[in-house]
């Protein structure tokens, strides 16, 4: 395979080239070889790793979780139990956020339903946001 430029690597993995540089800077991406011209020369392994990172980010995993998952994905460190623990903790966080969002939705829906939209001295939406204010 012909070595890839940073732009081709980014396109192949579905990210922008700034993301490639960022992931290199924080150590998620290994540094590539350099061509005689000094340009970075990426390989298929970089595409696979960057795609792994992109997918993990799309699922909301933190950088530290991704770092751990990348280590676990290496054949010498593979551990489904540890990967499951990381994914379960993330799932628990997602479920907690969903519960918080459902509660927020109920509060906002109830407040908006009480709002007539007309010129009245009291607005339930504004009152909810500024609980200390007295509107007359």
Protein backbone atom coordinates (compact mmCIF):
# COMPACT_ATOMS: atom_id res chain seq x y z
CA UNK A 1 0.00 0.00 0.00
CA UNK A 2 1.17 3.49 -0.86
CA UNK A 3 1.74 5.65 2.26
CA UNK A 4 -1.08 8.09 2.98
CA UNK A 5 -0.84 11.83 3.52
CA UNK A 6 -2.56 13.31 6.55
CA UNK A 7 -5.42 14.47 4.34
CA UNK A 8 -5.97 11.03 2.83
CA UNK A 9 -5.75 9.41 6.25
CA UNK A 10 -8.31 11.83 7.64
CA UNK A 11 -10.66 11.24 4.71
CA UNK A 12 -10.29 7.45 4.95
CA UNK A 13 -11.17 7.50 8.66
CA UNK A 14 -13.91 10.14 8.37
CA UNK A 15 -12.29 12.87 10.48
CA UNK A 16 -10.61 16.19 9.75
CA UNK A 17 -6.85 16.51 9.67
CA UNK A 18 -6.82 18.65 12.83
CA UNK A 19 -8.23 15.63 14.68
CA UNK A 20 -5.34 13.50 13.42
CA UNK A 21 -2.83 16.00 14.76
CA UNK A 22 -4.69 16.28 18.06
CA UNK A 23 -4.78 12.50 18.55
CA UNK A 24 -1.08 12.31 17.73
CA UNK A 25 -0.31 15.10 20.20
CA UNK A 26 -2.15 13.38 23.08
CA UNK A 27 -0.69 9.98 22.25
CA UNK A 28 -3.76 8.14 20.92
CA UNK A 29 -2.22 7.89 17.46
CA UNK A 30 1.33 6.59 17.08
CA UNK A 31 3.68 8.90 15.22
CA UNK A 32 3.93 8.01 11.54
CA UNK A 33 7.07 7.38 9.58
CA UNK A 34 8.39 10.30 7.59
CA UNK A 35 8.89 10.32 3.84
CA UNK A 36 12.17 11.55 2.39
CA UNK A 37 10.48 14.93 1.93
CA UNK A 38 9.74 15.06 5.67
CA UNK A 39 5.98 14.63 5.21
CA UNK A 40 4.11 12.19 7.40
CA UNK A 41 3.59 8.79 5.78
CA UNK A 42 0.59 6.96 7.26
CA UNK A 43 -0.27 3.29 6.78
CA UNK A 44 -3.39 1.13 6.91
CA UNK A 45 -2.84 0.52 10.65
CA UNK A 46 -3.24 4.26 11.19
CA UNK A 47 -6.55 4.22 9.30
CA UNK A 48 -7.84 1.34 11.45
CA UNK A 49 -6.74 3.00 14.70
CA UNK A 50 -8.16 6.39 13.74
CA UNK A 51 -11.45 4.79 12.71
CA UNK A 52 -11.56 3.00 16.09
CA UNK A 53 -11.03 6.36 17.84
CA UNK A 54 -13.70 8.09 15.73
CA UNK A 55 -16.25 5.35 16.44
CA UNK A 56 -15.48 5.45 20.16
CA UNK A 57 -15.87 9.25 20.20
CA UNK A 58 -19.19 8.96 18.32
CA UNK A 59 -20.39 6.66 21.09
CA UNK A 60 -19.34 9.24 23.67
CA UNK A 61 -16.37 7.46 25.24
CA UNK A 62 -13.90 9.75 26.98
CA UNK A 63 -10.32 10.11 25.78
CA UNK A 64 -9.11 8.10 28.78
CA UNK A 65 -11.63 5.34 28.09
CA UNK A 66 -10.50 5.27 24.46
CA UNK A 67 -6.88 5.08 25.56
CA UNK A 68 -7.75 2.06 27.75
CA UNK A 69 -9.83 0.42 25.00
CA UNK A 70 -7.01 0.86 22.48
CA UNK A 71 -4.67 -0.91 24.88
CA UNK A 72 -7.20 -3.68 25.39
CA UNK A 73 -7.59 -4.04 21.60
CA UNK A 74 -3.92 -5.01 21.28
CA UNK A 75 -3.56 -8.80 20.95
CA UNK A 76 -1.18 -9.04 23.90
CA UNK A 77 -3.55 -7.11 26.19
CA UNK A 78 -6.95 -8.24 24.91
CA UNK A 79 -9.47 -8.49 27.73
CA UNK A 80 -13.16 -8.62 27.02
CA UNK A 81 -13.89 -8.40 30.75
CA UNK A 82 -12.08 -5.09 31.10
CA UNK A 83 -13.61 -3.73 27.88
CA UNK A 84 -17.03 -4.75 29.18
CA UNK A 85 -16.38 -2.92 32.47
CA UNK A 86 -15.46 0.28 30.62
CA UNK A 87 -18.50 -0.03 28.34
CA UNK A 88 -20.81 -0.80 31.28
CA UNK A 89 -19.61 2.27 33.20
CA UNK A 90 -20.20 4.39 30.10
CA UNK A 91 -23.65 2.84 29.61
CA UNK A 92 -24.50 3.66 33.24
CA UNK A 93 -23.45 7.29 32.60
CA UNK A 94 -25.54 7.45 29.43
CA UNK A 95 -28.59 6.07 31.25
CA UNK A 96 -28.14 8.60 34.06
CA UNK A 97 -27.96 11.43 31.52
CA UNK A 98 -31.09 10.12 29.79
CA UNK A 99 -32.93 10.09 33.12
CA UNK A 100 -31.80 13.66 33.79
CA UNK A 101 -32.94 14.72 30.32
CA UNK A 102 -36.34 13.05 30.81
CA UNK A 103 -36.76 14.94 34.09
CA UNK A 104 -35.73 18.18 32.38
CA UNK A 105 -38.22 17.52 29.59
CA UNK A 106 -41.08 17.03 32.09
CA UNK A 107 -40.21 20.25 33.92
CA UNK A 108 -39.95 22.29 30.72
CA UNK A 109 -43.07 20.75 29.16
CA UNK A 110 -45.10 21.51 32.27
CA UNK A 111 -43.79 25.05 32.44
CA UNK A 112 -44.41 25.74 28.75
CA UNK A 113 -47.94 24.29 29.03
CA UNK A 114 -48.76 26.76 31.82
CA UNK A 115 -47.59 29.69 29.69
CA UNK A 116 -50.46 31.44 27.89
CA UNK A 117 -48.14 33.37 25.61
CA UNK A 118 -50.15 36.51 26.19
CA UNK A 119 -49.28 39.74 27.98
CA UNK A 120 -49.77 38.72 31.61
CA UNK A 121 -48.01 39.97 34.71
CA UNK A 122 -46.57 36.53 35.44
CA UNK A 123 -44.78 34.22 33.02
CA UNK A 124 -44.25 30.63 34.20
CA UNK A 125 -41.12 30.24 32.05
CA UNK A 126 -39.48 33.39 33.41
CA UNK A 127 -40.64 32.59 36.94
CA UNK A 128 -39.09 29.14 36.74
CA UNK A 129 -35.75 30.61 35.65
CA UNK A 130 -35.78 33.45 38.16
CA UNK A 131 -37.28 31.84 41.26
CA UNK A 132 -36.24 34.79 43.46
CA UNK A 133 -38.11 37.41 41.42
CA UNK A 134 -41.58 38.60 42.41
CA UNK A 135 -43.71 39.34 39.34
CA UNK A 136 -46.95 41.28 39.72
